[in-house]
Protein backbone atom coordinates (compact mmCIF):
# COMPACT_ATOMS: atom_id res chain seq x y z
CA MET A 1 -0.02 -0.02 -0.01
CA GLY A 2 2.83 2.26 -0.75
CA GLY A 3 2.40 5.87 -1.78
CA GLY A 4 4.79 5.65 -4.75
CA PRO A 5 3.82 6.40 -8.36
CA ARG A 6 1.65 3.91 -10.07
CA GLN A 7 3.22 2.08 -12.96
CA ARG A 8 1.33 2.50 -16.23
CA GLY A 9 1.36 0.27 -19.24
CA PRO A 10 2.67 1.46 -22.57
CA SER A 11 0.58 4.40 -23.69
CA THR A 12 -1.46 3.90 -26.77
CA LEU A 13 -1.10 6.00 -29.86
CA SER A 14 -3.95 8.20 -31.32
CA ALA A 15 -5.03 7.46 -34.86
CA ALA A 16 -3.08 10.38 -36.13
CA GLU A 17 0.05 9.25 -34.26
CA LEU A 18 -0.27 5.72 -35.55
CA GLU A 19 -0.74 6.98 -39.09
CA ALA A 20 2.32 9.29 -38.77
CA ALA A 21 4.40 6.32 -37.45
CA VAL A 22 3.19 4.12 -40.33
CA GLU A 23 3.94 6.82 -42.87
CA ALA A 24 7.42 7.36 -41.51
CA ALA A 25 8.25 3.66 -41.56
CA LEU A 26 6.95 3.27 -45.08
CA ASN A 27 8.99 6.24 -46.25
CA ARG A 28 12.09 4.48 -44.87
CA LEU A 29 11.07 1.15 -46.43
CA PHE A 30 10.32 2.74 -49.80
CA ALA A 31 13.48 4.88 -49.85
CA GLY A 32 15.10 2.46 -52.36
CA ASP A 33 13.70 1.16 -55.64
CA ARG A 34 10.82 -0.93 -54.30
CA ASP A 35 7.36 -1.56 -55.70
CA ASP A 36 5.78 -2.95 -52.50
CA VAL A 37 6.38 -3.83 -48.84
CA PRO A 38 4.92 -6.86 -47.08
CA LEU A 39 2.90 -6.04 -43.95
CA ASP A 40 5.24 -8.22 -41.88
CA GLU A 41 8.07 -6.05 -42.91
CA LEU A 42 6.22 -2.86 -41.91
CA VAL A 43 5.50 -4.47 -38.50
CA ASN A 44 9.20 -5.34 -38.01
CA ALA A 45 10.21 -1.82 -38.95
CA LEU A 46 7.77 -0.37 -36.45
CA ARG A 47 9.03 -2.70 -33.72
CA GLN A 48 12.49 -1.12 -34.25
CA THR A 49 11.40 2.54 -34.50
CA GLU A 50 8.06 2.88 -32.81
CA PRO A 51 7.24 -0.13 -30.59
CA ARG A 52 3.96 1.45 -29.48
CA ALA A 53 2.74 1.45 -33.09
CA ALA A 54 3.77 -2.24 -33.56
CA ALA A 55 2.08 -3.07 -30.24
CA ALA A 56 -1.22 -1.66 -31.54
CA GLY A 57 -1.57 -4.84 -33.51
CA ARG A 58 -2.23 -5.82 -37.03
CA GLU A 59 -5.90 -4.88 -36.98
CA ALA A 60 -5.04 -1.36 -35.97
CA LEU A 61 -2.30 -1.19 -38.68
CA VAL A 62 -4.76 -2.47 -41.32
CA THR A 63 -7.29 0.17 -40.20
CA THR A 64 -4.58 2.82 -40.52
CA LEU A 65 -3.68 1.58 -44.02
CA ASP A 66 -7.33 1.68 -44.96
CA ALA A 67 -7.42 5.36 -43.86
CA MET A 68 -4.20 6.07 -45.79
CA GLU A 69 -5.68 4.32 -48.85
CA ALA A 70 -8.83 6.46 -48.67
CA ALA A 71 -6.50 9.49 -48.61
CA ASN A 72 -4.68 8.09 -51.81
CA LYS A 73 -1.36 7.63 -50.04
CA VAL A 74 -1.01 3.87 -50.30
CA MET A 75 -2.74 0.79 -51.58
CA HIS A 76 -2.69 -2.51 -49.72
CA ARG A 77 -3.86 -5.85 -50.96
CA GLU A 78 -3.26 -9.41 -49.72
CA GLY A 79 -0.60 -8.34 -47.12
CA ARG A 80 1.38 -6.10 -49.50
CA ILE A 81 1.54 -2.28 -49.37
CA HIS A 82 2.13 -0.21 -52.50
CA LEU A 83 2.70 3.54 -52.77
CA ILE A 84 0.29 5.40 -55.05
């Protein structure tokens, strides 16, 4: 029953923060001469640069990619992400 600070779990990212993290990771992954990036590679890149985004889970990442697709930033099909 100590009076010390409570430990909190990792904070979650807002939709805008998650999109910014995904966009930054994709910019790094597409820096070379690539046509597409597998979703697994995006998740691995996020684990290295923004673990909170990776911890959001695949469903949240797919939702983010859907929003980015609606904004004509990317296209994703069958686990592969393409820049538009």
